[in-house]
Amino acid sequence: MPGAVGRVLGMVIWICCGALAGWGGGALVRRLRRGALVPRTWCAVAVGAAWGAVALRVEAGMPWWWAGVPLALAWLATLLTACDLRAARLPDALTLPAYPAAAALLVPAAAHEPRVPLAALAGVALFAGSYLAVRLVLPGAMGPGDVKLAGPLGALVGAVSLPAVLGVLAVAAASTLVAAAWRRAGAVPHGPAMLLPSWLVALAGP
């Protein structure tokens, strides 16, 4: 019984910390020069729930050296999703720092899995290369923010597995097409379709 109480308390702490991080992130996005008036409560709930899911995975045996990846990606994905849905843009102030952040997050993983650096680079080439090609051939079909975001996402997903990168690409494309068909007017934000499956892959872990 004491062990169960401790686990529940730990879960509550994870969720509360995530909620605080989400709230602070929402406030940050509101202050960015090209940010958006995102709902801070929504950000708090989303990040709190995501961090709770990571806590469950850690309890189930996720390596400690990987846990930082889904935690950080949940925070970033929530803020970018909120910004893309509210203002139809992915701010450089969030997407560009994601490159060094992704590299730093993968350092502990590389120390335990020697294949991670090469797999991450291959993921960047595949994910970002595909999006850049679409952007060059059909500029109206792919925003510059999506191309910039594809790099760090490719690194993190590629570190799990290269087939997972192909899966995320397929799910993102299909989700956007379905959303566009359902909406039947105007452009559809593509960021959420990239971010959710990428986070699910990170949550599954290597």
C-alpha atoms as a PDB file:
ATOM      1  CA  MET A   1       0.000   0.000   0.000  1.00  0.00           C
ATOM      2  CA  PRO A   2       2.722   2.555   0.836  1.00  0.00           C
ATOM      3  CA  GLY A   3       4.334   1.801  -2.543  1.00  0.00           C
ATOM      4  CA  ALA A   4       1.050   2.421  -4.352  1.00  0.00           C
ATOM      5  CA  VAL A   5       0.581   5.696  -2.496  1.00  0.00           C
ATOM      6  CA  GLY A   6       4.085   6.745  -3.476  1.00  0.00           C
ATOM      7  CA  ARG A   7       3.439   5.955  -7.131  1.00  0.00           C
ATOM      8  CA  VAL A   8       0.195   7.926  -7.125  1.00  0.00           C
ATOM      9  CA  LEU A   9       1.912  10.847  -5.431  1.00  0.00           C
ATOM     10  CA  GLY A  10       4.709  10.698  -7.963  1.00  0.00           C
ATOM     11  CA  MET A  11       2.199  10.711 -10.800  1.00  0.00           C
ATOM     12  CA  VAL A  12       0.460  13.749  -9.342  1.00  0.00           C
ATOM     13  CA  ILE A  13       3.806  15.553  -9.090  1.00  0.00           C
ATOM     14  CA  TRP A  14       4.625  14.767 -12.735  1.00  0.00           C
ATOM     15  CA  ILE A  15       1.235  16.039 -13.886  1.00  0.00           C
ATOM     16  CA  CYS A  16       1.458  19.204 -11.800  1.00  0.00           C
ATOM     17  CA  CYS A  17       4.964  19.945 -13.073  1.00  0.00           C
ATOM     18  CA  GLY A  18       3.754  19.425 -16.631  1.00  0.00           C
ATOM     19  CA  ALA A  19       0.796  21.714 -16.064  1.00  0.00           C
ATOM     20  CA  LEU A  20       3.111  24.440 -14.735  1.00  0.00           C
ATOM     21  CA  ALA A  21       5.445  23.980 -17.702  1.00  0.00           C
ATOM     22  CA  GLY A  22       2.499  24.182 -20.105  1.00  0.00           C
ATOM     23  CA  TRP A  23       1.130  27.304 -18.451  1.00  0.00           C
ATOM     24  CA  GLY A  24       4.526  28.976 -18.549  1.00  0.00           C
ATOM     25  CA  GLY A  25       5.010  27.928 -22.153  1.00  0.00           C
ATOM     26  CA  GLY A  26       1.661  29.418 -23.113  1.00  0.00           C
ATOM     27  CA  ALA A  27       2.680  32.680 -21.469  1.00  0.00           C
ATOM     28  CA  LEU A  28       5.983  32.547 -23.366  1.00  0.00           C
ATOM     29  CA  VAL A  29       4.271  32.103 -26.728  1.00  0.00           C
ATOM     30  CA  ARG A  30       2.073  35.118 -25.999  1.00  0.00           C
ATOM     31  CA  ARG A  31       5.201  37.244 -25.498  1.00  0.00           C
ATOM     32  CA  LEU A  32       7.034  36.171 -28.646  1.00  0.00           C
ATOM     33  CA  ARG A  33       7.342  38.767 -31.385  1.00  0.00           C
ATOM     34  CA  ARG A  34       5.564  36.455 -33.813  1.00  0.00           C
ATOM     35  CA  GLY A  35       3.754  34.362 -31.251  1.00  0.00           C
ATOM     36  CA  ALA A  36       0.024  33.997 -30.683  1.00  0.00           C
ATOM     37  CA  LEU A  37      -2.589  34.419 -27.972  1.00  0.00           C
ATOM     38  CA  VAL A  38      -2.711  30.729 -27.171  1.00  0.00           C
ATOM     39  CA  PRO A  39      -4.984  29.462 -24.358  1.00  0.00           C
ATOM     40  CA  ARG A  40      -2.661  28.942 -21.374  1.00  0.00           C
ATOM     41  CA  THR A  41      -5.139  26.682 -19.580  1.00  0.00           C
ATOM     42  CA  TRP A  42      -5.316  24.389 -22.619  1.00  0.00           C
ATOM     43  CA  CYS A  43      -1.516  24.288 -22.761  1.00  0.00           C
ATOM     44  CA  ALA A  44      -1.343  23.436 -19.055  1.00  0.00           C
ATOM     45  CA  VAL A  45      -3.861  20.597 -19.360  1.00  0.00           C
ATOM     46  CA  ALA A  46      -2.224  19.149 -22.486  1.00  0.00           C
ATOM     47  CA  VAL A  47       1.342  19.179 -21.158  1.00  0.00           C
ATOM     48  CA  GLY A  48       0.211  17.892 -17.760  1.00  0.00           C
ATOM     49  CA  ALA A  49      -1.588  14.962 -19.360  1.00  0.00           C
ATOM     50  CA  ALA A  50       1.381  14.214 -21.622  1.00  0.00           C
ATOM     51  CA  TRP A  51       3.849  14.261 -18.734  1.00  0.00           C
ATOM     52  CA  GLY A  52       1.536  11.931 -16.846  1.00  0.00           C
ATOM     53  CA  ALA A  53       1.714   9.525 -19.796  1.00  0.00           C
ATOM     54  CA  VAL A  54       5.519   9.731 -19.730  1.00  0.00           C
ATOM     55  CA  ALA A  55       5.443   8.967 -16.002  1.00  0.00           C
ATOM     56  CA  LEU A  56       3.461   5.809 -16.747  1.00  0.00           C
ATOM     57  CA  ARG A  57       6.015   4.771 -19.365  1.00  0.00           C
ATOM     58  CA  VAL A  58       8.867   5.362 -16.931  1.00  0.00           C
ATOM     59  CA  GLU A  59       7.023   3.232 -14.394  1.00  0.00           C
ATOM     60  CA  ALA A  60       6.703   0.554 -17.074  1.00  0.00           C
ATOM     61  CA  GLY A  61      10.436   0.535 -17.722  1.00  0.00           C
ATOM     62  CA  MET A  62      11.312   3.387 -20.086  1.00  0.00           C
ATOM     63  CA  PRO A  63      15.061   4.090 -19.722  1.00  0.00           C
ATOM     64  CA  TRP A  64      15.813   7.242 -17.733  1.00  0.00           C
ATOM     65  CA  TRP A  65      18.165   8.419 -20.479  1.00  0.00           C
ATOM     66  CA  TRP A  66      15.265   8.599 -22.925  1.00  0.00           C
ATOM     67  CA  ALA A  67      12.543  10.091 -20.700  1.00  0.00           C
ATOM     68  CA  GLY A  68      13.687  13.657 -21.370  1.00  0.00           C
ATOM     69  CA  VAL A  69      12.845  13.303 -25.063  1.00  0.00           C
ATOM     70  CA  PRO A  70       9.055  12.752 -24.750  1.00  0.00           C
ATOM     71  CA  LEU A  71       8.905  15.265 -21.873  1.00  0.00           C
ATOM     72  CA  ALA A  72      10.533  18.052 -23.878  1.00  0.00           C
ATOM     73  CA  LEU A  73       8.733  17.129 -27.084  1.00  0.00           C
ATOM     74  CA  ALA A  74       5.357  17.172 -25.317  1.00  0.00           C
ATOM     75  CA  TRP A  75       6.030  20.744 -24.191  1.00  0.00           C
ATOM     76  CA  LEU A  76       7.204  21.889 -27.617  1.00  0.00           C
ATOM     77  CA  ALA A  77       4.449  20.044 -29.481  1.00  0.00           C
ATOM     78  CA  THR A  78       1.750  21.581 -27.313  1.00  0.00           C
ATOM     79  CA  LEU A  79       3.004  25.132 -27.804  1.00  0.00           C
ATOM     80  CA  LEU A  80       3.535  24.745 -31.550  1.00  0.00           C
ATOM     81  CA  THR A  81       0.174  23.052 -32.026  1.00  0.00           C
ATOM     82  CA  ALA A  82      -1.594  25.836 -30.148  1.00  0.00           C
ATOM     83  CA  CYS A  83       0.259  28.483 -32.138  1.00  0.00           C
ATOM     84  CA  ASP A  84      -0.390  26.796 -35.482  1.00  0.00           C
ATOM     85  CA  LEU A  85      -4.087  26.333 -34.767  1.00  0.00           C
ATOM     86  CA  ARG A  86      -4.516  29.864 -33.431  1.00  0.00           C
ATOM     87  CA  ALA A  87      -2.249  31.870 -35.776  1.00  0.00           C
ATOM     88  CA  ALA A  88      -1.409  29.431 -38.614  1.00  0.00           C
ATOM     89  CA  ARG A  89       2.341  29.681 -38.063  1.00  0.00           C
ATOM     90  CA  LEU A  90       5.224  27.894 -36.361  1.00  0.00           C
ATOM     91  CA  PRO A  91       7.453  30.614 -34.835  1.00  0.00           C
ATOM     92  CA  ASP A  92      11.189  30.492 -35.522  1.00  0.00           C
ATOM     93  CA  ALA A  93      11.682  31.292 -31.835  1.00  0.00           C
ATOM     94  CA  LEU A  94      10.462  27.754 -31.093  1.00  0.00           C
ATOM     95  CA  THR A  95      11.466  25.733 -34.154  1.00  0.00           C
ATOM     96  CA  LEU A  96      15.087  26.898 -34.495  1.00  0.00           C
ATOM     97  CA  PRO A  97      16.138  26.334 -30.845  1.00  0.00           C
ATOM     98  CA  ALA A  98      14.660  22.848 -31.223  1.00  0.00           C
ATOM     99  CA  TYR A  99      17.771  21.856 -33.231  1.00  0.00           C
ATOM    100  CA  PRO A 100      20.347  22.250 -30.435  1.00  0.00           C
ATOM    101  CA  ALA A 101      17.763  21.058 -27.919  1.00  0.00           C
ATOM    102  CA  ALA A 102      17.219  17.818 -29.866  1.00  0.00           C
ATOM    103  CA  ALA A 103      20.973  17.279 -30.112  1.00  0.00           C
ATOM    104  CA  ALA A 104      21.366  17.788 -26.347  1.00  0.00           C
ATOM    105  CA  LEU A 105      18.481  15.434 -25.563  1.00  0.00           C
ATOM    106  CA  LEU A 106      20.035  12.691 -27.669  1.00  0.00           C
ATOM    107  CA  VAL A 107      23.461  12.860 -25.967  1.00  0.00           C
ATOM    108  CA  PRO A 108      22.451  10.529 -23.074  1.00  0.00           C
ATOM    109  CA  ALA A 109      20.753   8.194 -25.539  1.00  0.00           C
ATOM    110  CA  ALA A 110      23.885   8.088 -27.710  1.00  0.00           C
ATOM    111  CA  ALA A 111      25.955   7.140 -24.668  1.00  0.00           C
ATOM    112  CA  HIS A 112      23.792   4.047 -24.208  1.00  0.00           C
ATOM    113  CA  GLU A 113      22.893   3.294 -27.841  1.00  0.00           C
ATOM    114  CA  PRO A 114      25.852   3.833 -30.232  1.00  0.00           C
ATOM    115  CA  ARG A 115      23.539   3.731 -33.271  1.00  0.00           C
ATOM    116  CA  VAL A 116      21.626   6.860 -32.167  1.00  0.00           C
ATOM    117  CA  PRO A 117      23.802   9.599 -33.767  1.00  0.00           C
ATOM    118  CA  LEU A 118      23.774   8.036 -37.234  1.00  0.00           C
ATOM    119  CA  ALA A 119      20.092   7.122 -36.963  1.00  0.00           C
ATOM    120  CA  ALA A 120      19.226  10.672 -35.906  1.00  0.00           C
ATOM    121  CA  LEU A 121      21.130  12.177 -38.838  1.00  0.00           C
ATOM    122  CA  ALA A 122      19.413   9.784 -41.218  1.00  0.00           C
ATOM    123  CA  GLY A 123      16.067  10.799 -39.710  1.00  0.00           C
ATOM    124  CA  VAL A 124      16.844  14.472 -40.295  1.00  0.00           C
ATOM    125  CA  ALA A 125      17.801  13.794 -43.911  1.00  0.00           C
ATOM    126  CA  LEU A 126      14.657  11.753 -44.548  1.00  0.00           C
ATOM    127  CA  PHE A 127      12.118  13.942 -42.749  1.00  0.00           C
ATOM    128  CA  ALA A 128      13.512  17.386 -43.554  1.00  0.00           C
ATOM    129  CA  GLY A 129      14.633  16.318 -47.024  1.00  0.00           C
ATOM    130  CA  SER A 130      11.144  15.130 -47.925  1.00  0.00           C
ATOM    131  CA  TYR A 131       9.548  18.334 -46.687  1.00  0.00           C
ATOM    132  CA  LEU A 132      12.128  20.531 -48.408  1.00  0.00           C
ATOM    133  CA  ALA A 133      11.503  18.705 -51.689  1.00  0.00           C
ATOM    134  CA  VAL A 134       7.760  19.319 -51.393  1.00  0.00           C
ATOM    135  CA  ARG A 135       8.407  22.968 -50.520  1.00  0.00           C
ATOM    136  CA  LEU A 136      10.599  23.430 -53.608  1.00  0.00           C
ATOM    137  CA  VAL A 137       8.240  21.658 -56.001  1.00  0.00           C
ATOM    138  CA  LEU A 138       4.912  22.862 -54.544  1.00  0.00           C
ATOM    139  CA  PRO A 139       5.583  25.945 -52.384  1.00  0.00           C
ATOM    140  CA  GLY A 140       1.903  26.393 -51.570  1.00  0.00           C
ATOM    141  CA  ALA A 141       1.607  22.885 -50.178  1.00  0.00           C
ATOM    142  CA  MET A 142       4.261  23.212 -47.459  1.00  0.00           C
ATOM    143  CA  GLY A 143       5.009  26.138 -45.180  1.00  0.00           C
ATOM    144  CA  PRO A 144       8.580  27.150 -44.279  1.00  0.00           C
ATOM    145  CA  GLY A 145       7.867  26.540 -40.605  1.00  0.00           C
ATOM    146  CA  ASP A 146       6.933  22.926 -41.362  1.00  0.00           C
ATOM    147  CA  VAL A 147      10.252  22.414 -43.149  1.00  0.00           C
ATOM    148  CA  LYS A 148      12.205  23.907 -40.234  1.00  0.00           C
ATOM    149  CA  LEU A 149      10.338  21.755 -37.724  1.00  0.00           C
ATOM    150  CA  ALA A 150      10.952  18.592 -39.750  1.00  0.00           C
ATOM    151  CA  GLY A 151      14.663  18.633 -38.840  1.00  0.00           C
ATOM    152  CA  PRO A 152      14.477  18.171 -35.059  1.00  0.00           C
ATOM    153  CA  LEU A 153      11.469  15.878 -35.365  1.00  0.00           C
ATOM    154  CA  GLY A 154      13.377  13.740 -37.836  1.00  0.00           C
ATOM    155  CA  ALA A 155      16.304  13.498 -35.421  1.00  0.00           C
ATOM    156  CA  LEU A 156      14.176  12.413 -32.466  1.00  0.00           C
ATOM    157  CA  VAL A 157      11.990   9.992 -34.420  1.00  0.00           C
ATOM    158  CA  GLY A 158      14.968   8.650 -36.352  1.00  0.00           C
ATOM    159  CA  ALA A 159      16.732   7.894 -33.080  1.00  0.00           C
ATOM    160  CA  VAL A 160      13.884   5.478 -32.357  1.00  0.00           C
ATOM    161  CA  SER A 161      13.854   3.920 -35.835  1.00  0.00           C
ATOM    162  CA  LEU A 162      13.948   4.972 -39.485  1.00  0.00           C
ATOM    163  CA  PRO A 163      10.738   3.073 -40.326  1.00  0.00           C
ATOM    164  CA  ALA A 164       9.076   5.231 -37.670  1.00  0.00           C
ATOM    165  CA  VAL A 165      10.071   8.317 -39.682  1.00  0.00           C
ATOM    166  CA  LEU A 166       8.295   6.900 -42.718  1.00  0.00           C
ATOM    167  CA  GLY A 167       5.284   6.147 -40.535  1.00  0.00           C
ATOM    168  CA  VAL A 168       5.145   9.693 -39.185  1.00  0.00           C
ATOM    169  CA  LEU A 169       5.439  11.106 -42.706  1.00  0.00           C
ATOM    170  CA  ALA A 170       2.556   8.923 -43.883  1.00  0.00           C
ATOM    171  CA  VAL A 171       0.333   9.712 -40.895  1.00  0.00           C
ATOM    172  CA  ALA A 172       1.047  13.442 -41.133  1.00  0.00           C
ATOM    173  CA  ALA A 173       0.207  13.545 -44.830  1.00  0.00           C
ATOM    174  CA  ALA A 174      -2.947  11.463 -44.446  1.00  0.00           C
ATOM    175  CA  SER A 175      -4.160  13.482 -41.452  1.00  0.00           C
ATOM    176  CA  THR A 176      -3.702  16.759 -43.288  1.00  0.00           C
ATOM    177  CA  LEU A 177      -5.515  15.465 -46.370  1.00  0.00           C
ATOM    178  CA  VAL A 178      -8.435  14.260 -44.252  1.00  0.00           C
ATOM    179  CA  ALA A 179      -8.591  17.581 -42.399  1.00  0.00           C
ATOM    180  CA  ALA A 180      -8.486  19.518 -45.674  1.00  0.00           C
ATOM    181  CA  ALA A 181     -11.263  17.394 -47.148  1.00  0.00           C
ATOM    182  CA  TRP A 182     -13.382  17.855 -44.031  1.00  0.00           C
ATOM    183  CA  ARG A 183     -12.799  21.594 -43.861  1.00  0.00           C
ATOM    184  CA  ARG A 184     -13.235  22.164 -47.617  1.00  0.00           C
ATOM    185  CA  ALA A 185     -11.856  25.696 -47.468  1.00  0.00           C
ATOM    186  CA  GLY A 186      -8.513  27.410 -46.946  1.00  0.00           C
ATOM    187  CA  ALA A 187      -5.211  26.027 -45.773  1.00  0.00           C
ATOM    188  CA  VAL A 188      -5.012  23.449 -42.997  1.00  0.00           C
ATOM    189  CA  PRO A 189      -2.289  23.747 -40.312  1.00  0.00           C
ATOM    190  CA  HIS A 190       0.138  20.877 -40.850  1.00  0.00           C
ATOM    191  CA  GLY A 191       2.162  21.249 -37.657  1.00  0.00           C
ATOM    192  CA  PRO A 192      -0.190  19.258 -35.401  1.00  0.00           C
ATOM    193  CA  ALA A 193      -0.212  16.377 -37.885  1.00  0.00           C
ATOM    194  CA  MET A 194       3.594  16.213 -37.650  1.00  0.00           C
ATOM    195  CA  LEU A 195       3.877  16.710 -33.916  1.00  0.00           C
ATOM    196  CA  LEU A 196       1.368  14.235 -32.474  1.00  0.00           C
ATOM    197  CA  PRO A 197       2.666  11.085 -34.206  1.00  0.00           C
ATOM    198  CA  SER A 198       6.249  12.179 -33.535  1.00  0.00           C
ATOM    199  CA  TRP A 199       5.502  12.488 -29.824  1.00  0.00           C
ATOM    200  CA  LEU A 200       3.794   9.086 -29.787  1.00  0.00           C
ATOM    201  CA  VAL A 201       6.910   7.536 -31.311  1.00  0.00           C
ATOM    202  CA  ALA A 202       9.081   9.276 -28.707  1.00  0.00           C
ATOM    203  CA  LEU A 203       6.723   8.057 -25.985  1.00  0.00           C
ATOM    204  CA  ALA A 204       7.111   4.478 -27.216  1.00  0.00           C
ATOM    205  CA  GLY A 205      10.870   4.912 -26.981  1.00  0.00           C
ATOM    206  CA  PRO A 206      13.791   3.168 -28.639  1.00  0.00           C
END
